[in-house]
Protein backbone atom coordinates (compact mmCIF):
# COMPACT_ATOMS: atom_id res chain seq x y z
CA MET A 1 -8.55 -24.25 -46.87
CA ALA A 2 -4.97 -24.81 -47.85
CA GLY A 3 -3.92 -25.23 -51.45
CA ALA A 4 -0.40 -25.75 -52.69
CA ARG A 5 2.78 -25.12 -50.71
CA VAL A 6 5.74 -24.73 -53.06
CA SER A 7 9.29 -23.49 -52.81
CA VAL A 8 10.29 -20.48 -54.89
CA ARG A 9 14.00 -19.71 -54.41
CA TYR A 10 13.69 -21.72 -51.18
CA ARG A 11 10.93 -19.42 -49.89
CA VAL A 12 7.63 -21.20 -49.14
CA VAL A 13 4.75 -19.81 -51.16
CA GLU A 14 1.20 -20.88 -50.39
CA SER A 15 -1.76 -20.63 -52.71
CA GLY A 16 -5.42 -21.47 -52.46
CA PRO A 17 -7.22 -24.07 -54.52
CA ARG A 18 -6.84 -23.44 -58.27
CA THR A 19 -10.45 -24.08 -59.24
CA SER A 20 -13.82 -24.55 -57.56
CA LYS A 21 -13.48 -28.31 -58.19
CA SER A 22 -10.16 -28.34 -56.35
CA ARG A 23 -12.07 -27.81 -53.12
CA ARG A 24 -13.79 -31.13 -52.52
CA THR A 25 -14.75 -33.83 -50.09
CA ILE A 26 -13.73 -37.40 -50.88
CA ALA A 27 -14.46 -40.69 -49.18
CA VAL A 28 -11.57 -42.43 -47.45
CA ALA A 29 -11.22 -45.99 -46.23
CA PRO A 30 -11.86 -46.63 -42.51
CA ALA A 31 -8.16 -47.49 -42.03
CA VAL A 32 -7.20 -44.04 -43.37
CA THR A 33 -9.71 -42.36 -41.06
CA GLU A 34 -8.29 -44.28 -38.11
CA ALA A 35 -4.69 -43.38 -39.01
CA LEU A 36 -5.63 -39.69 -39.33
CA GLN A 37 -7.39 -39.78 -35.95
CA VAL A 38 -4.30 -41.29 -34.31
CA HIS A 39 -2.17 -38.63 -35.98
CA ARG A 40 -4.54 -35.87 -34.81
CA ARG A 41 -4.43 -37.09 -31.19
CA ARG A 42 -0.62 -37.08 -31.29
CA GLN A 43 -0.70 -33.58 -32.80
CA LEU A 44 -3.04 -32.33 -30.05
CA GLU A 45 -0.65 -33.74 -27.43
CA GLU A 46 2.22 -31.87 -29.09
CA ARG A 47 0.11 -28.71 -29.15
CA LEU A 48 -0.52 -28.99 -25.39
CA ALA A 49 3.19 -29.64 -24.73
CA TRP A 50 4.26 -26.58 -26.74
CA GLY A 51 1.60 -24.32 -25.23
CA PRO A 52 1.58 -20.77 -26.61
CA ALA A 53 4.71 -21.49 -28.68
CA TRP A 54 2.66 -23.84 -30.88
CA ALA A 55 2.38 -22.49 -34.43
CA ASP A 56 -1.30 -22.79 -35.31
CA SER A 57 -2.09 -23.52 -38.95
CA VAL A 58 -4.53 -25.39 -41.18
CA LEU A 59 -1.87 -27.94 -42.11
CA VAL A 60 -2.53 -31.60 -41.39
CA PHE A 61 1.11 -32.63 -41.26
CA THR A 62 3.41 -30.42 -39.21
CA ARG A 63 6.55 -30.55 -37.13
CA GLU A 64 6.02 -31.14 -33.41
CA ASP A 65 5.83 -27.35 -32.83
CA GLY A 66 3.06 -26.94 -35.40
CA THR A 67 5.19 -25.35 -38.11
CA GLY A 68 4.89 -26.69 -41.63
CA TYR A 69 7.51 -28.73 -43.37
CA HIS A 70 9.43 -27.05 -46.15
CA PRO A 71 8.35 -28.53 -49.51
CA GLU A 72 11.96 -29.34 -50.42
CA TYR A 73 12.39 -31.25 -47.16
CA LEU A 74 9.39 -33.40 -48.07
CA THR A 75 10.75 -33.96 -51.57
CA ARG A 76 14.16 -35.03 -50.22
CA THR A 77 12.61 -37.26 -47.55
CA PHE A 78 10.31 -38.91 -50.09
CA GLY A 79 13.29 -39.53 -52.37
CA ALA A 80 15.27 -41.11 -49.53
CA VAL A 81 12.36 -43.36 -48.52
CA THR A 82 11.78 -44.59 -52.08
CA LYS A 83 15.50 -45.22 -52.54
CA ARG A 84 15.68 -47.24 -49.28
CA ALA A 85 12.67 -49.24 -50.50
CA GLY A 86 14.60 -50.10 -53.68
CA LEU A 87 12.20 -48.17 -55.91
CA PRO A 88 13.28 -46.14 -58.92
CA PRO A 89 13.31 -42.35 -58.48
CA ILE A 90 9.72 -41.10 -58.37
CA ALA A 91 8.61 -37.47 -58.43
CA PHE A 92 6.33 -36.76 -55.46
CA HIS A 93 3.65 -35.41 -57.80
CA ALA A 94 3.73 -38.71 -59.68
CA LEU A 95 1.80 -40.20 -56.77
CA ARG A 96 -1.32 -38.52 -58.20
CA HIS A 97 -0.70 -40.25 -61.53
CA GLY A 98 -0.12 -43.54 -59.73
CA ARG A 99 -3.34 -43.14 -57.78
CA LEU A 100 -5.27 -42.57 -60.98
CA THR A 101 -3.68 -45.59 -62.62
CA THR A 102 -4.39 -47.93 -59.71
CA GLY A 103 -7.93 -46.57 -59.40
CA LEU A 104 -8.69 -47.16 -63.06
CA ARG A 105 -6.99 -50.57 -63.09
CA THR A 106 -9.13 -51.69 -60.15
CA GLY A 107 -12.31 -50.62 -61.92
CA VAL A 108 -12.97 -47.16 -60.49
CA PRO A 109 -14.69 -45.16 -63.26
CA LEU A 110 -12.76 -42.30 -64.88
CA LEU A 111 -15.45 -39.82 -63.74
CA VAL A 112 -14.98 -40.84 -60.09
CA MET A 113 -11.19 -40.62 -60.34
CA SER A 114 -11.47 -37.23 -62.06
CA ARG A 115 -13.56 -35.89 -59.18
CA ARG A 116 -11.26 -37.40 -56.55
CA LEU A 117 -8.27 -35.71 -58.20
CA GLY A 118 -10.14 -32.39 -58.38
CA HIS A 119 -9.94 -32.01 -62.13
CA SER A 120 -12.39 -29.59 -63.71
CA SER A 121 -13.71 -32.27 -66.07
CA VAL A 122 -13.29 -35.89 -67.13
CA GLN A 123 -11.81 -34.58 -70.37
CA VAL A 124 -9.00 -32.88 -68.43
CA THR A 125 -8.27 -36.15 -66.62
CA GLY A 126 -8.28 -38.08 -69.90
CA ASP A 127 -6.10 -35.51 -71.65
CA ILE A 128 -3.53 -35.23 -68.85
CA HIS A 129 -3.38 -38.95 -68.28
CA SER A 130 -4.00 -40.19 -71.83
CA HIS A 131 -1.11 -42.68 -71.51
CA VAL A 132 -2.98 -44.40 -68.67
CA VAL A 133 -6.18 -44.57 -70.70
CA GLU A 134 -4.18 -46.05 -73.62
CA GLU A 135 -2.65 -48.70 -71.30
CA LEU A 136 -6.11 -49.60 -70.04
CA ASP A 137 -7.32 -49.85 -73.63
CA CYS A 138 -4.56 -52.38 -74.33
CA ASP A 139 -5.45 -54.24 -71.11
CA ALA A 140 -9.07 -54.43 -72.30
CA ALA A 141 -8.24 -55.85 -75.73
CA GLU A 142 -7.79 -59.51 -74.79
CA PRO A 143 -10.78 -59.91 -72.42
CA THR A 144 -12.98 -58.22 -75.01
CA ALA A 145 -11.67 -60.53 -77.73
CA ASP A 146 -12.26 -63.51 -75.42
CA LEU A 147 -15.96 -62.62 -75.33
CA VAL A 148 -16.17 -62.87 -79.11
CA HIS A 149 -13.74 -65.73 -79.58
CA PRO A 150 -13.27 -67.68 -76.31
CA PRO A 151 -9.86 -69.29 -75.80
CA ALA A 152 -9.71 -73.00 -76.56
CA VAL A 153 -9.96 -75.20 -73.48
CA GLY A 154 -7.22 -77.78 -72.87
CA ARG A 155 -4.55 -76.29 -75.15
């Protein structure tokens, strides 16, 4: 199973999963499964077209010849896409933080998000993303207060 692909002095270095919890199975929405199946069919067509020149790997996302993308290419492409979308600069890794935030804000328990992110414990998730937990605490203040002291109707 693949782990991280990083660039060190522009040379691609691959590593395996960092911990036993890094290797995991997570549920995905049916739309994601469908999109991955479409992608896989296209990739198999490319593999047939390239024949023996196809570069076989365990990577899910590859160039049409099967070779992997350079990590810096992905970083640059992601930056260009976010800029065209009018978004502020976002580090690619920040997507993990964003996923945690949206998960927690939509009611997914911290334990579930911790496991989905592959953290070794909930404490690690809470420590790394303490700012998110603090934001959620602030978000919880008013609804909790409303239970004790309901807002006046008709004001």
